[in-house]
Amino acid sequence: MMKLIGPRETVLVTSKAHVEHFGKRLEKEDILAVDWHMPCSLEPFTYAIAINKKHFSHKLILHGKAFIVNIIPKELEQQALFCGTHSGEHVDKFRETKLTKIESNHIDCVKIAEALGWIECEVMHAIDIHDHTLFIGKVRYFEMKREAKRLYHIKDNEFTTVFPSS
């Protein structure tokens, strides 16, 4: 199936929320590699991400009611692989990947400084779709900092890229 619908652009979705963790209420942040994402409407401008219910990011997005889609260059392939294969419940992915965290000025969430750009969203709808939830976010802010080759997922640990449009 993935050969039929791929390659798909890989983005890093960041999230933040206060959650119960080992009996304590803590503020946690996470980074998740996501291939299933898309714009939904222009008025209002909305963006959707499909997140597996088993991922720690799912819990953070449900509680925090926000997420940021970080558009990444091909150079962040190893960081994307790490973020897609490790749980943020027990690992600080910002520290492990050496990605730089910056606070959004528009929503209560963090984003990645090394990203090419960001789509910052407040959750409008969370639609249950079997093993995933489709989070539809109202875009509060977006910015493209620079153009570069982007990361596209083919399958498993295989990636490719495309040249940016001029």
C-alpha atoms as a PDB file:
ATOM      1  CA  MET A   1       0.000   0.000   0.000  1.00  0.00           C
ATOM      2  CA  MET A   2       2.749   2.505   0.907  1.00  0.00           C
ATOM      3  CA  LYS A   3       4.304   2.065  -2.559  1.00  0.00           C
ATOM      4  CA  LEU A   4       0.978   3.108  -4.034  1.00  0.00           C
ATOM      5  CA  ILE A   5       0.593   6.313  -1.983  1.00  0.00           C
ATOM      6  CA  GLY A   6       4.262   7.192  -1.433  1.00  0.00           C
ATOM      7  CA  PRO A   7       6.681   8.745  -1.208  1.00  0.00           C
ATOM      8  CA  ARG A   8       5.148  11.072   1.383  1.00  0.00           C
ATOM      9  CA  GLU A   9       6.746  14.159   2.862  1.00  0.00           C
ATOM     10  CA  THR A  10       7.999  13.549   6.383  1.00  0.00           C
ATOM     11  CA  VAL A  11       7.462  16.341   8.902  1.00  0.00           C
ATOM     12  CA  LEU A  12       8.275  16.544  12.586  1.00  0.00           C
ATOM     13  CA  VAL A  13       5.204  17.285  14.708  1.00  0.00           C
ATOM     14  CA  THR A  14       5.882  18.906  18.063  1.00  0.00           C
ATOM     15  CA  SER A  15       3.484  18.917  20.991  1.00  0.00           C
ATOM     16  CA  LYS A  16       3.417  19.997  24.643  1.00  0.00           C
ATOM     17  CA  ALA A  17       1.058  19.416  27.572  1.00  0.00           C
ATOM     18  CA  HIS A  18       0.817  18.881  31.309  1.00  0.00           C
ATOM     19  CA  VAL A  19       0.331  15.145  31.926  1.00  0.00           C
ATOM     20  CA  GLU A  20       0.478  12.658  34.776  1.00  0.00           C
ATOM     21  CA  HIS A  21       3.864  10.961  34.678  1.00  0.00           C
ATOM     22  CA  PHE A  22       4.752   8.428  37.378  1.00  0.00           C
ATOM     23  CA  GLY A  23       2.258  10.024  39.780  1.00  0.00           C
ATOM     24  CA  LYS A  24       3.469  13.583  39.168  1.00  0.00           C
ATOM     25  CA  ARG A  25       1.929  16.289  37.008  1.00  0.00           C
ATOM     26  CA  LEU A  26       4.667  17.411  34.611  1.00  0.00           C
ATOM     27  CA  GLU A  27       4.944  19.517  31.502  1.00  0.00           C
ATOM     28  CA  LYS A  28       6.188  17.247  28.713  1.00  0.00           C
ATOM     29  CA  GLU A  29       7.177  17.918  25.114  1.00  0.00           C
ATOM     30  CA  ASP A  30       7.580  15.529  22.223  1.00  0.00           C
ATOM     31  CA  ILE A  31       8.662  15.316  18.593  1.00  0.00           C
ATOM     32  CA  LEU A  32       7.081  12.744  16.274  1.00  0.00           C
ATOM     33  CA  ALA A  33       7.940  11.972  12.640  1.00  0.00           C
ATOM     34  CA  VAL A  34       4.685  12.045  10.651  1.00  0.00           C
ATOM     35  CA  ASP A  35       3.968  11.239   6.998  1.00  0.00           C
ATOM     36  CA  TRP A  36       0.168  11.444   7.176  1.00  0.00           C
ATOM     37  CA  HIS A  37      -0.663  15.163   7.035  1.00  0.00           C
ATOM     38  CA  MET A  38      -2.500  17.581   4.742  1.00  0.00           C
ATOM     39  CA  PRO A  39      -4.271  20.925   4.418  1.00  0.00           C
ATOM     40  CA  CYS A  40      -8.052  20.655   4.888  1.00  0.00           C
ATOM     41  CA  SER A  41      -9.622  24.039   4.142  1.00  0.00           C
ATOM     42  CA  LEU A  42      -8.725  27.615   3.308  1.00  0.00           C
ATOM     43  CA  GLU A  43     -11.456  29.406   5.307  1.00  0.00           C
ATOM     44  CA  PRO A  44     -10.583  28.944   8.029  1.00  0.00           C
ATOM     45  CA  PHE A  45      -7.145  27.661   7.133  1.00  0.00           C
ATOM     46  CA  THR A  46      -6.918  24.190   8.679  1.00  0.00           C
ATOM     47  CA  TYR A  47      -4.324  21.435   8.661  1.00  0.00           C
ATOM     48  CA  ALA A  48      -4.723  17.760   9.604  1.00  0.00           C
ATOM     49  CA  ILE A  49      -2.404  15.119  11.009  1.00  0.00           C
ATOM     50  CA  ALA A  50      -3.190  11.439  11.619  1.00  0.00           C
ATOM     51  CA  ILE A  51      -1.540  10.142  14.805  1.00  0.00           C
ATOM     52  CA  ASN A  52      -1.515   6.561  16.085  1.00  0.00           C
ATOM     53  CA  LYS A  53      -3.203   6.331  19.491  1.00  0.00           C
ATOM     54  CA  LYS A  54      -0.217   4.433  20.918  1.00  0.00           C
ATOM     55  CA  HIS A  55       2.167   7.373  20.437  1.00  0.00           C
ATOM     56  CA  PHE A  56       2.981   9.612  23.395  1.00  0.00           C
ATOM     57  CA  SER A  57       2.443  12.619  21.104  1.00  0.00           C
ATOM     58  CA  HIS A  58      -1.190  11.536  20.769  1.00  0.00           C
ATOM     59  CA  LYS A  59      -1.678  12.022  24.508  1.00  0.00           C
ATOM     60  CA  LEU A  60       0.080  15.399  24.457  1.00  0.00           C
ATOM     61  CA  ILE A  61      -1.979  16.707  21.532  1.00  0.00           C
ATOM     62  CA  LEU A  62      -5.225  15.545  23.192  1.00  0.00           C
ATOM     63  CA  HIS A  63      -4.347  17.327  26.442  1.00  0.00           C
ATOM     64  CA  GLY A  64      -2.474  20.335  25.046  1.00  0.00           C
ATOM     65  CA  LYS A  65      -4.960  21.012  22.229  1.00  0.00           C
ATOM     66  CA  ALA A  66      -2.158  22.204  19.939  1.00  0.00           C
ATOM     67  CA  PHE A  67       0.531  20.943  17.581  1.00  0.00           C
ATOM     68  CA  ILE A  68       3.156  22.368  15.245  1.00  0.00           C
ATOM     69  CA  VAL A  69       4.031  20.844  11.888  1.00  0.00           C
ATOM     70  CA  ASN A  70       7.756  21.445  11.397  1.00  0.00           C
ATOM     71  CA  ILE A  71       8.736  21.268   7.709  1.00  0.00           C
ATOM     72  CA  ILE A  72      12.202  19.708   7.650  1.00  0.00           C
ATOM     73  CA  PRO A  73      15.132  19.479   5.244  1.00  0.00           C
ATOM     74  CA  LYS A  74      16.620  16.201   4.019  1.00  0.00           C
ATOM     75  CA  GLU A  75      19.589  16.797   6.349  1.00  0.00           C
ATOM     76  CA  LEU A  76      17.375  15.947   9.352  1.00  0.00           C
ATOM     77  CA  GLU A  77      16.752  12.376   8.149  1.00  0.00           C
ATOM     78  CA  GLN A  78      18.551  10.742  11.110  1.00  0.00           C
ATOM     79  CA  GLN A  79      16.684  12.933  13.600  1.00  0.00           C
ATOM     80  CA  ALA A  80      13.375  12.028  11.910  1.00  0.00           C
ATOM     81  CA  LEU A  81      14.237   8.320  12.150  1.00  0.00           C
ATOM     82  CA  PHE A  82      15.059   8.699  15.838  1.00  0.00           C
ATOM     83  CA  CYS A  83      11.859  10.642  16.580  1.00  0.00           C
ATOM     84  CA  GLY A  84       9.787   8.067  14.708  1.00  0.00           C
ATOM     85  CA  THR A  85      11.251   5.071  16.535  1.00  0.00           C
ATOM     86  CA  HIS A  86      11.578   6.252  20.155  1.00  0.00           C
ATOM     87  CA  SER A  87       8.871   7.183  22.642  1.00  0.00           C
ATOM     88  CA  GLY A  88       8.958  10.688  24.063  1.00  0.00           C
ATOM     89  CA  GLU A  89       7.386   9.404  27.257  1.00  0.00           C
ATOM     90  CA  HIS A  90      10.799   8.307  28.549  1.00  0.00           C
ATOM     91  CA  VAL A  91      13.232  10.063  26.189  1.00  0.00           C
ATOM     92  CA  ASP A  92      13.874  13.781  25.700  1.00  0.00           C
ATOM     93  CA  LYS A  93      13.986  13.818  21.905  1.00  0.00           C
ATOM     94  CA  PHE A  94      15.199  17.424  21.772  1.00  0.00           C
ATOM     95  CA  ARG A  95      18.256  16.499  23.851  1.00  0.00           C
ATOM     96  CA  GLU A  96      18.919  13.186  22.064  1.00  0.00           C
ATOM     97  CA  THR A  97      18.649  14.651  18.542  1.00  0.00           C
ATOM     98  CA  LYS A  98      20.317  17.961  19.451  1.00  0.00           C
ATOM     99  CA  LEU A  99      17.417  19.824  17.823  1.00  0.00           C
ATOM    100  CA  THR A 100      16.852  23.343  19.125  1.00  0.00           C
ATOM    101  CA  LYS A 101      13.543  24.021  20.871  1.00  0.00           C
ATOM    102  CA  ILE A 102      11.880  27.418  20.582  1.00  0.00           C
ATOM    103  CA  GLU A 103       8.551  28.551  22.026  1.00  0.00           C
ATOM    104  CA  SER A 104       5.797  29.661  19.710  1.00  0.00           C
ATOM    105  CA  ASN A 105       4.527  33.220  20.107  1.00  0.00           C
ATOM    106  CA  HIS A 106       1.114  32.156  18.787  1.00  0.00           C
ATOM    107  CA  ILE A 107       0.111  28.926  20.577  1.00  0.00           C
ATOM    108  CA  ASP A 108       1.223  27.048  23.694  1.00  0.00           C
ATOM    109  CA  CYS A 109       3.655  24.720  21.968  1.00  0.00           C
ATOM    110  CA  VAL A 110       7.305  24.382  20.982  1.00  0.00           C
ATOM    111  CA  LYS A 111       8.818  24.215  17.524  1.00  0.00           C
ATOM    112  CA  ILE A 112      12.143  23.223  15.983  1.00  0.00           C
ATOM    113  CA  ALA A 113      14.575  26.019  15.104  1.00  0.00           C
ATOM    114  CA  GLU A 114      16.280  23.927  12.387  1.00  0.00           C
ATOM    115  CA  ALA A 115      13.000  23.501  10.480  1.00  0.00           C
ATOM    116  CA  LEU A 116      12.472  25.124   7.090  1.00  0.00           C
ATOM    117  CA  GLY A 117       9.131  26.430   8.274  1.00  0.00           C
ATOM    118  CA  TRP A 118       6.202  25.854  10.608  1.00  0.00           C
ATOM    119  CA  ILE A 119       2.434  25.401  10.601  1.00  0.00           C
ATOM    120  CA  GLU A 120       1.171  26.198  14.121  1.00  0.00           C
ATOM    121  CA  CYS A 121      -2.259  24.767  14.924  1.00  0.00           C
ATOM    122  CA  GLU A 122      -4.878  24.744  17.680  1.00  0.00           C
ATOM    123  CA  VAL A 123      -6.946  21.553  17.668  1.00  0.00           C
ATOM    124  CA  MET A 124     -10.478  22.130  16.376  1.00  0.00           C
ATOM    125  CA  HIS A 125     -11.520  18.497  15.967  1.00  0.00           C
ATOM    126  CA  ALA A 126     -10.186  15.121  17.031  1.00  0.00           C
ATOM    127  CA  ILE A 127     -11.794  12.408  14.907  1.00  0.00           C
ATOM    128  CA  ASP A 128     -11.449   8.790  16.023  1.00  0.00           C
ATOM    129  CA  ILE A 129     -10.430   6.586  13.093  1.00  0.00           C
ATOM    130  CA  HIS A 130      -9.806   3.108  14.527  1.00  0.00           C
ATOM    131  CA  ASP A 131      -6.105   2.986  15.543  1.00  0.00           C
ATOM    132  CA  HIS A 132      -5.455   6.667  14.689  1.00  0.00           C
ATOM    133  CA  THR A 133      -6.944  10.030  15.550  1.00  0.00           C
ATOM    134  CA  LEU A 134      -7.259  12.649  12.853  1.00  0.00           C
ATOM    135  CA  PHE A 135      -6.417  15.959  14.517  1.00  0.00           C
ATOM    136  CA  ILE A 136      -7.698  18.929  12.543  1.00  0.00           C
ATOM    137  CA  GLY A 137      -6.082  22.162  13.617  1.00  0.00           C
ATOM    138  CA  LYS A 138      -6.953  25.761  12.930  1.00  0.00           C
ATOM    139  CA  VAL A 139      -3.765  27.354  11.639  1.00  0.00           C
ATOM    140  CA  ARG A 140      -2.821  30.248  13.919  1.00  0.00           C
ATOM    141  CA  TYR A 141       0.492  31.027  12.241  1.00  0.00           C
ATOM    142  CA  PHE A 142       2.659  29.734   9.416  1.00  0.00           C
ATOM    143  CA  GLU A 143       6.037  30.736   8.087  1.00  0.00           C
ATOM    144  CA  MET A 144       8.512  29.436   5.529  1.00  0.00           C
ATOM    145  CA  LYS A 145      12.029  30.494   6.618  1.00  0.00           C
ATOM    146  CA  ARG A 146      13.953  29.072   3.703  1.00  0.00           C
ATOM    147  CA  GLU A 147      13.812  26.614   0.814  1.00  0.00           C
ATOM    148  CA  ALA A 148      15.844  23.405   0.720  1.00  0.00           C
ATOM    149  CA  LYS A 149      15.514  19.789  -0.315  1.00  0.00           C
ATOM    150  CA  ARG A 150      12.786  18.193   1.807  1.00  0.00           C
ATOM    151  CA  LEU A 151      12.585  14.700   3.282  1.00  0.00           C
ATOM    152  CA  TYR A 152      10.217  12.156   1.680  1.00  0.00           C
ATOM    153  CA  HIS A 153       9.546   8.698   3.147  1.00  0.00           C
ATOM    154  CA  ILE A 154       9.434   5.766   0.736  1.00  0.00           C
ATOM    155  CA  LYS A 155       9.095   2.825   3.160  1.00  0.00           C
ATOM    156  CA  ASP A 156      10.753   1.451   6.282  1.00  0.00           C
ATOM    157  CA  ASN A 157      14.058   3.341   6.641  1.00  0.00           C
ATOM    158  CA  GLU A 158      14.173   4.468   2.992  1.00  0.00           C
ATOM    159  CA  PHE A 159      13.945   8.180   2.180  1.00  0.00           C
ATOM    160  CA  THR A 160      14.362  10.385  -0.856  1.00  0.00           C
ATOM    161  CA  THR A 161      14.155  14.080  -1.641  1.00  0.00           C
ATOM    162  CA  VAL A 162      13.009  16.510  -4.314  1.00  0.00           C
ATOM    163  CA  PHE A 163      14.412  19.837  -5.374  1.00  0.00           C
ATOM    164  CA  PRO A 164      12.559  22.870  -4.005  1.00  0.00           C
ATOM    165  CA  SER A 165      10.436  24.801  -6.447  1.00  0.00           C
ATOM    166  CA  SER A 166      11.843  28.102  -7.642  1.00  0.00           C
END
